[in-house]
Amino acid sequence: VSVGTGGKQILFNALLATVNPGDEV
């Protein structure tokens, strides 16, 4: 479990921590 400053930070952390240049979402 991870708690962040709003849902936006959870999304931000997940994507910034995993997405590399060229990855598609």
mmCIF file of all heavy atoms, coordinates in Angstrom:
data_MODEL
# 
_entry.id   MODEL 
# 
loop_
_atom_site.group_PDB 
_atom_site.id 
_atom_site.type_symbol 
_atom_site.label_atom_id 
_atom_site.label_alt_id 
_atom_site.label_comp_id 
_atom_site.label_asym_id 
_atom_site.label_entity_id 
_atom_site.label_seq_id 
_atom_site.pdbx_PDB_ins_code 
_atom_site.Cartn_x 
_atom_site.Cartn_y 
_atom_site.Cartn_z 
_atom_site.occupancy 
_atom_site.B_iso_or_equiv 
_atom_site.pdbx_formal_charge 
_atom_site.auth_seq_id 
_atom_site.auth_comp_id 
_atom_site.auth_asym_id 
_atom_site.auth_atom_id 
_atom_site.pdbx_PDB_model_num 
ATOM 1   N N   . VAL A 1 1  ? 0.839  -1.202 0.000   1.00 0.00 ? 1  VAL A N   1 
ATOM 2   C CA  . VAL A 1 1  ? 0.000  0.000  0.000   1.00 0.00 ? 1  VAL A CA  1 
ATOM 3   C C   . VAL A 1 1  ? 0.874  1.252  0.000   1.00 0.00 ? 1  VAL A C   1 
ATOM 4   O O   . VAL A 1 1  ? 1.883  1.318  0.721   1.00 0.00 ? 1  VAL A O   1 
ATOM 5   C CB  . VAL A 1 1  ? -0.933 0.018  1.227   1.00 0.00 ? 1  VAL A CB  1 
ATOM 6   C CG1 . VAL A 1 1  ? -1.697 1.337  1.307   1.00 0.00 ? 1  VAL A CG1 1 
ATOM 7   C CG2 . VAL A 1 1  ? -1.905 -1.155 1.178   1.00 0.00 ? 1  VAL A CG2 1 
ATOM 8   N N   . SER A 1 2  ? 0.480  2.234  -0.780  1.00 0.00 ? 2  SER A N   1 
ATOM 9   C CA  . SER A 1 2  ? 1.151  3.535  -0.810  1.00 0.00 ? 2  SER A CA  1 
ATOM 10  C C   . SER A 1 2  ? 0.114  4.637  -0.617  1.00 0.00 ? 2  SER A C   1 
ATOM 11  O O   . SER A 1 2  ? -0.957 4.613  -1.225  1.00 0.00 ? 2  SER A O   1 
ATOM 12  C CB  . SER A 1 2  ? 1.875  3.738  -2.145  1.00 0.00 ? 2  SER A CB  1 
ATOM 13  O OG  . SER A 1 2  ? 2.538  4.989  -2.169  1.00 0.00 ? 2  SER A OG  1 
ATOM 14  N N   . VAL A 1 3  ? 0.442  5.610  0.231   1.00 0.00 ? 3  VAL A N   1 
ATOM 15  C CA  . VAL A 1 3  ? -0.433 6.763  0.479   1.00 0.00 ? 3  VAL A CA  1 
ATOM 16  C C   . VAL A 1 3  ? 0.251  8.012  -0.053  1.00 0.00 ? 3  VAL A C   1 
ATOM 17  O O   . VAL A 1 3  ? 1.443  8.243  0.218   1.00 0.00 ? 3  VAL A O   1 
ATOM 18  C CB  . VAL A 1 3  ? -0.735 6.926  1.983   1.00 0.00 ? 3  VAL A CB  1 
ATOM 19  C CG1 . VAL A 1 3  ? -1.671 8.112  2.212   1.00 0.00 ? 3  VAL A CG1 1 
ATOM 20  C CG2 . VAL A 1 3  ? -1.343 5.651  2.559   1.00 0.00 ? 3  VAL A CG2 1 
ATOM 21  N N   . GLY A 1 4  ? -0.482 8.812  -0.808  1.00 0.00 ? 4  GLY A N   1 
ATOM 22  C CA  . GLY A 1 4  ? 0.090  10.016 -1.387  1.00 0.00 ? 4  GLY A CA  1 
ATOM 23  C C   . GLY A 1 4  ? -0.764 11.239 -1.122  1.00 0.00 ? 4  GLY A C   1 
ATOM 24  O O   . GLY A 1 4  ? -1.842 11.164 -0.518  1.00 0.00 ? 4  GLY A O   1 
ATOM 25  N N   . THR A 1 5  ? -0.268 12.368 -1.595  1.00 0.00 ? 5  THR A N   1 
ATOM 26  C CA  . THR A 1 5  ? -0.979 13.632 -1.443  1.00 0.00 ? 5  THR A CA  1 
ATOM 27  C C   . THR A 1 5  ? -2.028 13.733 -2.548  1.00 0.00 ? 5  THR A C   1 
ATOM 28  O O   . THR A 1 5  ? -1.839 14.392 -3.567  1.00 0.00 ? 5  THR A O   1 
ATOM 29  C CB  . THR A 1 5  ? 0.013  14.813 -1.500  1.00 0.00 ? 5  THR A CB  1 
ATOM 30  O OG1 . THR A 1 5  ? 1.029  14.603 -0.541  1.00 0.00 ? 5  THR A OG1 1 
ATOM 31  C CG2 . THR A 1 5  ? -0.694 16.123 -1.205  1.00 0.00 ? 5  THR A CG2 1 
ATOM 32  N N   . GLY A 1 6  ? -3.129 13.022 -2.346  1.00 0.00 ? 6  GLY A N   1 
ATOM 33  C CA  . GLY A 1 6  ? -4.186 12.953 -3.337  1.00 0.00 ? 6  GLY A CA  1 
ATOM 34  C C   . GLY A 1 6  ? -3.958 11.813 -4.314  1.00 0.00 ? 6  GLY A C   1 
ATOM 35  O O   . GLY A 1 6  ? -2.843 11.297 -4.458  1.00 0.00 ? 6  GLY A O   1 
ATOM 36  N N   . GLY A 1 7  ? -5.040 11.430 -4.994  1.00 0.00 ? 7  GLY A N   1 
ATOM 37  C CA  . GLY A 1 7  ? -4.931 10.376 -5.986  1.00 0.00 ? 7  GLY A CA  1 
ATOM 38  C C   . GLY A 1 7  ? -3.985 10.729 -7.111  1.00 0.00 ? 7  GLY A C   1 
ATOM 39  O O   . GLY A 1 7  ? -3.326 9.856  -7.683  1.00 0.00 ? 7  GLY A O   1 
ATOM 40  N N   . LYS A 1 8  ? -3.894 12.010 -7.439  1.00 0.00 ? 8  LYS A N   1 
ATOM 41  C CA  . LYS A 1 8  ? -3.028 12.440 -8.538  1.00 0.00 ? 8  LYS A CA  1 
ATOM 42  C C   . LYS A 1 8  ? -1.566 12.057 -8.273  1.00 0.00 ? 8  LYS A C   1 
ATOM 43  O O   . LYS A 1 8  ? -0.857 11.643 -9.201  1.00 0.00 ? 8  LYS A O   1 
ATOM 44  C CB  . LYS A 1 8  ? -3.141 13.953 -8.747  1.00 0.00 ? 8  LYS A CB  1 
ATOM 45  C CG  . LYS A 1 8  ? -2.398 14.466 -9.967  1.00 0.00 ? 8  LYS A CG  1 
ATOM 46  C CD  . LYS A 1 8  ? -2.600 15.956 -10.172 1.00 0.00 ? 8  LYS A CD  1 
ATOM 47  C CE  . LYS A 1 8  ? -3.969 16.280 -10.692 1.00 0.00 ? 8  LYS A CE  1 
ATOM 48  N NZ  . LYS A 1 8  ? -4.106 17.714 -11.075 1.00 0.00 ? 8  LYS A NZ  1 
ATOM 49  N N   . GLN A 1 9  ? -1.124 12.149 -7.016  1.00 0.00 ? 9  GLN A N   1 
ATOM 50  C CA  . GLN A 1 9  ? 0.262  11.774 -6.738  1.00 0.00 ? 9  GLN A CA  1 
ATOM 51  C C   . GLN A 1 9  ? 0.483  10.271 -6.893  1.00 0.00 ? 9  GLN A C   1 
ATOM 52  O O   . GLN A 1 9  ? 1.552  9.841  -7.326  1.00 0.00 ? 9  GLN A O   1 
ATOM 53  C CB  . GLN A 1 9  ? 0.698  12.213 -5.338  1.00 0.00 ? 9  GLN A CB  1 
ATOM 54  C CG  . GLN A 1 9  ? 2.183  11.926 -5.111  1.00 0.00 ? 9  GLN A CG  1 
ATOM 55  C CD  . GLN A 1 9  ? 2.742  12.466 -3.823  1.00 0.00 ? 9  GLN A CD  1 
ATOM 56  O OE1 . GLN A 1 9  ? 2.039  12.603 -2.845  1.00 0.00 ? 9  GLN A OE1 1 
ATOM 57  N NE2 . GLN A 1 9  ? 4.031  12.770 -3.841  1.00 0.00 ? 9  GLN A NE2 1 
ATOM 58  N N   . ILE A 1 10 ? -0.520 9.461  -6.541  1.00 0.00 ? 10 ILE A N   1 
ATOM 59  C CA  . ILE A 1 10 ? -0.390 8.017  -6.735  1.00 0.00 ? 10 ILE A CA  1 
ATOM 60  C C   . ILE A 1 10 ? -0.204 7.708  -8.212  1.00 0.00 ? 10 ILE A C   1 
ATOM 61  O O   . ILE A 1 10 ? 0.690  6.935  -8.606  1.00 0.00 ? 10 ILE A O   1 
ATOM 62  C CB  . ILE A 1 10 ? -1.627 7.287  -6.181  1.00 0.00 ? 10 ILE A CB  1 
ATOM 63  C CG1 . ILE A 1 10 ? -1.767 7.531  -4.671  1.00 0.00 ? 10 ILE A CG1 1 
ATOM 64  C CG2 . ILE A 1 10 ? -1.569 5.802  -6.494  1.00 0.00 ? 10 ILE A CG2 1 
ATOM 65  C CD1 . ILE A 1 10 ? -0.617 7.001  -3.840  1.00 0.00 ? 10 ILE A CD1 1 
ATOM 66  N N   . LEU A 1 11 ? -1.023 8.304  -9.057  1.00 0.00 ? 11 LEU A N   1 
ATOM 67  C CA  . LEU A 1 11 ? -0.903 8.123  -10.503 1.00 0.00 ? 11 LEU A CA  1 
ATOM 68  C C   . LEU A 1 11 ? 0.445  8.632  -11.000 1.00 0.00 ? 11 LEU A C   1 
ATOM 69  O O   . LEU A 1 11 ? 1.128  7.964  -11.794 1.00 0.00 ? 11 LEU A O   1 
ATOM 70  C CB  . LEU A 1 11 ? -2.035 8.868  -11.211 1.00 0.00 ? 11 LEU A CB  1 
ATOM 71  C CG  . LEU A 1 11 ? -3.458 8.374  -10.933 1.00 0.00 ? 11 LEU A CG  1 
ATOM 72  C CD1 . LEU A 1 11 ? -4.477 9.419  -11.369 1.00 0.00 ? 11 LEU A CD1 1 
ATOM 73  C CD2 . LEU A 1 11 ? -3.718 7.061  -11.636 1.00 0.00 ? 11 LEU A CD2 1 
ATOM 74  N N   . PHE A 1 12 ? 0.822  9.798  -10.547 1.00 0.00 ? 12 PHE A N   1 
ATOM 75  C CA  . PHE A 1 12 ? 2.085  10.423 -10.951 1.00 0.00 ? 12 PHE A CA  1 
ATOM 76  C C   . PHE A 1 12 ? 3.266  9.530  -10.569 1.00 0.00 ? 12 PHE A C   1 
ATOM 77  O O   . PHE A 1 12 ? 4.142  9.238  -11.393 1.00 0.00 ? 12 PHE A O   1 
ATOM 78  C CB  . PHE A 1 12 ? 2.195  11.793 -10.263 1.00 0.00 ? 12 PHE A CB  1 
ATOM 79  C CG  . PHE A 1 12 ? 3.416  12.591 -10.641 1.00 0.00 ? 12 PHE A CG  1 
ATOM 80  C CD1 . PHE A 1 12 ? 3.364  13.513 -11.683 1.00 0.00 ? 12 PHE A CD1 1 
ATOM 81  C CD2 . PHE A 1 12 ? 4.611  12.446 -9.959  1.00 0.00 ? 12 PHE A CD2 1 
ATOM 82  C CE1 . PHE A 1 12 ? 4.484  14.261 -12.022 1.00 0.00 ? 12 PHE A CE1 1 
ATOM 83  C CE2 . PHE A 1 12 ? 5.732  13.189 -10.290 1.00 0.00 ? 12 PHE A CE2 1 
ATOM 84  C CZ  . PHE A 1 12 ? 5.672  14.104 -11.330 1.00 0.00 ? 12 PHE A CZ  1 
ATOM 85  N N   . ASN A 1 13 ? 3.278  9.069  -9.318  1.00 0.00 ? 13 ASN A N   1 
ATOM 86  C CA  . ASN A 1 13 ? 4.378  8.226  -8.853  1.00 0.00 ? 13 ASN A CA  1 
ATOM 87  C C   . ASN A 1 13 ? 4.475  6.938  -9.661  1.00 0.00 ? 13 ASN A C   1 
ATOM 88  O O   . ASN A 1 13 ? 5.562  6.504  -10.048 1.00 0.00 ? 13 ASN A O   1 
ATOM 89  C CB  . ASN A 1 13 ? 4.202  7.879  -7.375  1.00 0.00 ? 13 ASN A CB  1 
ATOM 90  C CG  . ASN A 1 13 ? 4.493  9.047  -6.446  1.00 0.00 ? 13 ASN A CG  1 
ATOM 91  O OD1 . ASN A 1 13 ? 4.992  10.085 -6.875  1.00 0.00 ? 13 ASN A OD1 1 
ATOM 92  N ND2 . ASN A 1 13 ? 4.171  8.883  -5.187  1.00 0.00 ? 13 ASN A ND2 1 
ATOM 93  N N   . ALA A 1 14 ? 3.323  6.296  -9.895  1.00 0.00 ? 14 ALA A N   1 
ATOM 94  C CA  . ALA A 1 14 ? 3.321  5.019  -10.611 1.00 0.00 ? 14 ALA A CA  1 
ATOM 95  C C   . ALA A 1 14 ? 3.860  5.171  -12.026 1.00 0.00 ? 14 ALA A C   1 
ATOM 96  O O   . ALA A 1 14 ? 4.679  4.360  -12.488 1.00 0.00 ? 14 ALA A O   1 
ATOM 97  C CB  . ALA A 1 14 ? 1.912  4.443  -10.634 1.00 0.00 ? 14 ALA A CB  1 
ATOM 98  N N   . LEU A 1 15 ? 3.414  6.208  -12.721 1.00 0.00 ? 15 LEU A N   1 
ATOM 99  C CA  . LEU A 1 15 ? 3.827  6.384  -14.108 1.00 0.00 ? 15 LEU A CA  1 
ATOM 100 C C   . LEU A 1 15 ? 5.260  6.889  -14.214 1.00 0.00 ? 15 LEU A C   1 
ATOM 101 O O   . LEU A 1 15 ? 6.036  6.414  -15.050 1.00 0.00 ? 15 LEU A O   1 
ATOM 102 C CB  . LEU A 1 15 ? 2.855  7.329  -14.825 1.00 0.00 ? 15 LEU A CB  1 
ATOM 103 C CG  . LEU A 1 15 ? 1.441  6.760  -15.005 1.00 0.00 ? 15 LEU A CG  1 
ATOM 104 C CD1 . LEU A 1 15 ? 0.482  7.832  -15.518 1.00 0.00 ? 15 LEU A CD1 1 
ATOM 105 C CD2 . LEU A 1 15 ? 1.444  5.563  -15.942 1.00 0.00 ? 15 LEU A CD2 1 
ATOM 106 N N   . LEU A 1 16 ? 5.636  7.827  -13.361 1.00 0.00 ? 16 LEU A N   1 
ATOM 107 C CA  . LEU A 1 16 ? 7.014  8.329  -13.401 1.00 0.00 ? 16 LEU A CA  1 
ATOM 108 C C   . LEU A 1 16 ? 8.011  7.246  -13.010 1.00 0.00 ? 16 LEU A C   1 
ATOM 109 O O   . LEU A 1 16 ? 9.156  7.237  -13.486 1.00 0.00 ? 16 LEU A O   1 
ATOM 110 C CB  . LEU A 1 16 ? 7.172  9.537  -12.473 1.00 0.00 ? 16 LEU A CB  1 
ATOM 111 C CG  . LEU A 1 16 ? 7.031  10.932 -13.091 1.00 0.00 ? 16 LEU A CG  1 
ATOM 112 C CD1 . LEU A 1 16 ? 8.237  11.294 -13.948 1.00 0.00 ? 16 LEU A CD1 1 
ATOM 113 C CD2 . LEU A 1 16 ? 5.739  11.081 -13.869 1.00 0.00 ? 16 LEU A CD2 1 
ATOM 114 N N   . ALA A 1 17 ? 7.597  6.332  -12.156 1.00 0.00 ? 17 ALA A N   1 
ATOM 115 C CA  . ALA A 1 17 ? 8.499  5.285  -11.686 1.00 0.00 ? 17 ALA A CA  1 
ATOM 116 C C   . ALA A 1 17 ? 8.646  4.128  -12.668 1.00 0.00 ? 17 ALA A C   1 
ATOM 117 O O   . ALA A 1 17 ? 9.563  3.310  -12.514 1.00 0.00 ? 17 ALA A O   1 
ATOM 118 C CB  . ALA A 1 17 ? 8.001  4.744  -10.340 1.00 0.00 ? 17 ALA A CB  1 
ATOM 119 N N   . THR A 1 18 ? 7.777  4.060  -13.681 1.00 0.00 ? 18 THR A N   1 
ATOM 120 C CA  . THR A 1 18 ? 7.785  2.882  -14.558 1.00 0.00 ? 18 THR A CA  1 
ATOM 121 C C   . THR A 1 18 ? 7.887  3.182  -16.044 1.00 0.00 ? 18 THR A C   1 
ATOM 122 O O   . THR A 1 18 ? 8.311  2.313  -16.817 1.00 0.00 ? 18 THR A O   1 
ATOM 123 C CB  . THR A 1 18 ? 6.494  2.052  -14.343 1.00 0.00 ? 18 THR A CB  1 
ATOM 124 O OG1 . THR A 1 18 ? 5.346  2.866  -14.626 1.00 0.00 ? 18 THR A OG1 1 
ATOM 125 C CG2 . THR A 1 18 ? 6.414  1.524  -12.915 1.00 0.00 ? 18 THR A CG2 1 
ATOM 126 N N   . VAL A 1 19 ? 7.494  4.365  -16.480 1.00 0.00 ? 19 VAL A N   1 
ATOM 127 C CA  . VAL A 1 19 ? 7.425  4.657  -17.913 1.00 0.00 ? 19 VAL A CA  1 
ATOM 128 C C   . VAL A 1 19 ? 8.766  5.166  -18.433 1.00 0.00 ? 19 VAL A C   1 
ATOM 129 O O   . VAL A 1 19 ? 9.354  6.099  -17.877 1.00 0.00 ? 19 VAL A O   1 
ATOM 130 C CB  . VAL A 1 19 ? 6.309  5.691  -18.197 1.00 0.00 ? 19 VAL A CB  1 
ATOM 131 C CG1 . VAL A 1 19 ? 6.358  6.147  -19.654 1.00 0.00 ? 19 VAL A CG1 1 
ATOM 132 C CG2 . VAL A 1 19 ? 4.937  5.086  -17.884 1.00 0.00 ? 19 VAL A CG2 1 
ATOM 133 N N   . ASN A 1 20 ? 9.234  4.533  -19.502 1.00 0.00 ? 20 ASN A N   1 
ATOM 134 C CA  . ASN A 1 20 ? 10.457 4.947  -20.187 1.00 0.00 ? 20 ASN A CA  1 
ATOM 135 C C   . ASN A 1 20 ? 10.104 5.614  -21.512 1.00 0.00 ? 20 ASN A C   1 
ATOM 136 O O   . ASN A 1 20 ? 8.999  5.408  -22.044 1.00 0.00 ? 20 ASN A O   1 
ATOM 137 C CB  . ASN A 1 20 ? 11.351 3.731  -20.461 1.00 0.00 ? 20 ASN A CB  1 
ATOM 138 C CG  . ASN A 1 20 ? 11.919 3.139  -19.186 1.00 0.00 ? 20 ASN A CG  1 
ATOM 139 O OD1 . ASN A 1 20 ? 12.497 3.848  -18.370 1.00 0.00 ? 20 ASN A OD1 1 
ATOM 140 N ND2 . ASN A 1 20 ? 11.750 1.831  -19.016 1.00 0.00 ? 20 ASN A ND2 1 
ATOM 141 N N   . PRO A 1 21 ? 11.029 6.406  -22.078 1.00 0.00 ? 21 PRO A N   1 
ATOM 142 C CA  . PRO A 1 21 ? 10.761 7.030  -23.375 1.00 0.00 ? 21 PRO A CA  1 
ATOM 143 C C   . PRO A 1 21 ? 10.360 5.984  -24.415 1.00 0.00 ? 21 PRO A C   1 
ATOM 144 O O   . PRO A 1 21 ? 11.013 4.955  -24.559 1.00 0.00 ? 21 PRO A O   1 
ATOM 145 C CB  . PRO A 1 21 ? 12.096 7.698  -23.732 1.00 0.00 ? 21 PRO A CB  1 
ATOM 146 C CG  . PRO A 1 21 ? 12.707 8.006  -22.400 1.00 0.00 ? 21 PRO A CG  1 
ATOM 147 C CD  . PRO A 1 21 ? 12.321 6.859  -21.512 1.00 0.00 ? 21 PRO A CD  1 
ATOM 148 N N   . GLY A 1 22 ? 9.254  6.250  -25.087 1.00 0.00 ? 22 GLY A N   1 
ATOM 149 C CA  . GLY A 1 22 ? 8.768  5.317  -26.104 1.00 0.00 ? 22 GLY A CA  1 
ATOM 150 C C   . GLY A 1 22 ? 7.720  4.353  -25.612 1.00 0.00 ? 22 GLY A C   1 
ATOM 151 O O   . GLY A 1 22 ? 7.010  3.741  -26.423 1.00 0.00 ? 22 GLY A O   1 
ATOM 152 N N   . ASP A 1 23 ? 7.595  4.176  -24.299 1.00 0.00 ? 23 ASP A N   1 
ATOM 153 C CA  . ASP A 1 23 ? 6.546  3.306  -23.769 1.00 0.00 ? 23 ASP A CA  1 
ATOM 154 C C   . ASP A 1 23 ? 5.179  3.899  -24.076 1.00 0.00 ? 23 ASP A C   1 
ATOM 155 O O   . ASP A 1 23 ? 4.974  5.112  -23.985 1.00 0.00 ? 23 ASP A O   1 
ATOM 156 C CB  . ASP A 1 23 ? 6.681  3.147  -22.247 1.00 0.00 ? 23 ASP A CB  1 
ATOM 157 C CG  . ASP A 1 23 ? 7.812  2.236  -21.840 1.00 0.00 ? 23 ASP A CG  1 
ATOM 158 O OD1 . ASP A 1 23 ? 8.356  1.526  -22.715 1.00 0.00 ? 23 ASP A OD1 1 
ATOM 159 O OD2 . ASP A 1 23 ? 8.170  2.230  -20.642 1.00 0.00 ? 23 ASP A OD2 1 
ATOM 160 N N   . GLU A 1 24 ? 4.230  3.028  -24.383 1.00 0.00 ? 24 GLU A N   1 
ATOM 161 C CA  . GLU A 1 24 ? 2.877  3.469  -24.705 1.00 0.00 ? 24 GLU A CA  1 
ATOM 162 C C   . GLU A 1 24 ? 1.938  3.202  -23.532 1.00 0.00 ? 24 GLU A C   1 
ATOM 163 O O   . GLU A 1 24 ? 2.042  2.169  -22.858 1.00 0.00 ? 24 GLU A O   1 
ATOM 164 C CB  . GLU A 1 24 ? 2.366  2.752  -25.954 1.00 0.00 ? 24 GLU A CB  1 
ATOM 165 C CG  . GLU A 1 24 ? 3.151  3.100  -27.202 1.00 0.00 ? 24 GLU A CG  1 
ATOM 166 C CD  . GLU A 1 24 ? 2.718  2.329  -28.435 1.00 0.00 ? 24 GLU A CD  1 
ATOM 167 O OE1 . GLU A 1 24 ? 1.877  1.411  -28.301 1.00 0.00 ? 24 GLU A OE1 1 
ATOM 168 O OE2 . GLU A 1 24 ? 3.218  2.645  -29.526 1.00 0.00 ? 24 GLU A OE2 1 
ATOM 169 N N   . VAL A 1 25 ? 1.036  4.140  -23.309 1.00 0.00 ? 25 VAL A N   1 
ATOM 170 C CA  . VAL A 1 25 ? 0.029  4.012  -22.260 1.00 0.00 ? 25 VAL A CA  1 
ATOM 171 C C   . VAL A 1 25 ? -1.336 4.226  -22.894 1.00 0.00 ? 25 VAL A C   1 
ATOM 172 O O   . VAL A 1 25 ? -1.616 5.299  -23.432 1.00 0.00 ? 25 VAL A O   1 
ATOM 173 C CB  . VAL A 1 25 ? 0.257  5.025  -21.124 1.00 0.00 ? 25 VAL A CB  1 
ATOM 174 C CG1 . VAL A 1 25 ? -0.839 4.911  -20.073 1.00 0.00 ? 25 VAL A CG1 1 
ATOM 175 C CG2 . VAL A 1 25 ? 1.632  4.824  -20.483 1.00 0.00 ? 25 VAL A CG2 1 
# 
